Amino acid sequence: MSRVCSVCGKGQTTGNNVSHSKRRTRRTFKANVQKVSYVNDEGKIVNDYVCARCLKKVKRA
């Protein structure tokens, strides 16, 4: 299962590692997601992955 935020849909992105000699190799940036229980829009308690930015917005259960 991929770690994707259930509120905003943020997931992993790709980029480059850049060494001192400017050589580039591919890498991934993973989203900072935590498994939490929160109250969704319908008023139900949901256990799901939420990113750190959305963790401030959602109401914890």
C-alpha atoms as a PDB file:
ATOM      1  CA  MET A   1       0.000   0.000   0.000  1.00  0.00           C
ATOM      2  CA  SER A   2       1.382   3.378  -0.948  1.00  0.00           C
ATOM      3  CA  ARG A   3       1.625   6.077   1.690  1.00  0.00           C
ATOM      4  CA  VAL A   4      -0.609   8.838   0.349  1.00  0.00           C
ATOM      5  CA  CYS A   5      -2.431  11.519   2.352  1.00  0.00           C
ATOM      6  CA  SER A   6      -6.160  10.781   2.414  1.00  0.00           C
ATOM      7  CA  VAL A   7      -7.061  14.480   2.798  1.00  0.00           C
ATOM      8  CA  CYS A   8      -5.014  16.231   0.082  1.00  0.00           C
ATOM      9  CA  GLY A   9      -3.611  13.314  -1.940  1.00  0.00           C
ATOM     10  CA  LYS A  10       0.043  14.167  -1.382  1.00  0.00           C
ATOM     11  CA  GLY A  11       2.388  11.256  -2.169  1.00  0.00           C
ATOM     12  CA  GLN A  12       5.976  10.710  -3.125  1.00  0.00           C
ATOM     13  CA  THR A  13       7.723  12.808  -5.781  1.00  0.00           C
ATOM     14  CA  THR A  14      10.999  12.320  -7.623  1.00  0.00           C
ATOM     15  CA  GLY A  15      14.085  14.454  -8.012  1.00  0.00           C
ATOM     16  CA  ASN A  16      17.853  14.271  -8.180  1.00  0.00           C
ATOM     17  CA  ASN A  17      20.676  13.630  -5.759  1.00  0.00           C
ATOM     18  CA  VAL A  18      23.389  16.113  -6.728  1.00  0.00           C
ATOM     19  CA  SER A  19      26.938  15.299  -5.653  1.00  0.00           C
ATOM     20  CA  HIS A  20      29.761  17.797  -5.147  1.00  0.00           C
ATOM     21  CA  SER A  21      30.928  17.135  -8.711  1.00  0.00           C
ATOM     22  CA  LYS A  22      27.370  17.889  -9.944  1.00  0.00           C
ATOM     23  CA  ARG A  23      26.605  14.299 -11.001  1.00  0.00           C
ATOM     24  CA  ARG A  24      22.882  13.610 -10.826  1.00  0.00           C
ATOM     25  CA  THR A  25      21.189  10.372  -9.801  1.00  0.00           C
ATOM     26  CA  ARG A  26      17.462   9.849  -9.354  1.00  0.00           C
ATOM     27  CA  ARG A  27      15.879   9.734  -5.890  1.00  0.00           C
ATOM     28  CA  THR A  28      12.429   9.894  -4.298  1.00  0.00           C
ATOM     29  CA  PHE A  29      11.028  12.351  -1.784  1.00  0.00           C
ATOM     30  CA  LYS A  30       8.492  10.640   0.463  1.00  0.00           C
ATOM     31  CA  ALA A  31       5.601  12.533   2.037  1.00  0.00           C
ATOM     32  CA  ASN A  32       5.562  12.902   5.825  1.00  0.00           C
ATOM     33  CA  VAL A  33       2.379  10.920   6.502  1.00  0.00           C
ATOM     34  CA  GLN A  34       1.200   9.587   9.859  1.00  0.00           C
ATOM     35  CA  LYS A  35      -1.547   7.071  10.591  1.00  0.00           C
ATOM     36  CA  VAL A  36      -4.145   8.890  12.700  1.00  0.00           C
ATOM     37  CA  SER A  37      -7.827   8.694  13.551  1.00  0.00           C
ATOM     38  CA  TYR A  38      -9.780  11.826  12.658  1.00  0.00           C
ATOM     39  CA  VAL A  39     -13.321  13.027  12.015  1.00  0.00           C
ATOM     40  CA  ASN A  40     -14.066  13.383   8.291  1.00  0.00           C
ATOM     41  CA  ASP A  41     -16.570  15.706   6.580  1.00  0.00           C
ATOM     42  CA  GLU A  42     -19.514  13.358   7.170  1.00  0.00           C
ATOM     43  CA  GLY A  43     -18.791  13.284  10.924  1.00  0.00           C
ATOM     44  CA  LYS A  44     -17.451   9.717  10.956  1.00  0.00           C
ATOM     45  CA  ILE A  45     -14.233   8.639  12.653  1.00  0.00           C
ATOM     46  CA  VAL A  46     -11.682   7.381  10.106  1.00  0.00           C
ATOM     47  CA  ASN A  47      -8.291   5.707  10.641  1.00  0.00           C
ATOM     48  CA  ASP A  48      -6.097   6.724   7.711  1.00  0.00           C
ATOM     49  CA  TYR A  49      -2.818   8.320   6.625  1.00  0.00           C
ATOM     50  CA  VAL A  50      -2.622  12.121   6.906  1.00  0.00           C
ATOM     51  CA  CYS A  51       0.325  14.345   5.946  1.00  0.00           C
ATOM     52  CA  ALA A  52       1.865  16.724   8.477  1.00  0.00           C
ATOM     53  CA  ARG A  53       0.288  19.837   6.922  1.00  0.00           C
ATOM     54  CA  CYS A  54      -3.213  18.352   6.931  1.00  0.00           C
ATOM     55  CA  LEU A  55      -2.709  17.077  10.472  1.00  0.00           C
ATOM     56  CA  LYS A  56      -3.098  20.701  11.653  1.00  0.00           C
ATOM     57  CA  LYS A  57      -6.385  21.070   9.745  1.00  0.00           C
ATOM     58  CA  VAL A  58      -8.245  17.873  10.650  1.00  0.00           C
ATOM     59  CA  LYS A  59     -10.127  17.362  13.901  1.00  0.00           C
ATOM     60  CA  ARG A  60      -8.560  14.496  15.828  1.00  0.00           C
ATOM     61  CA  ALA A  61     -10.782  11.764  17.249  1.00  0.00           C
END
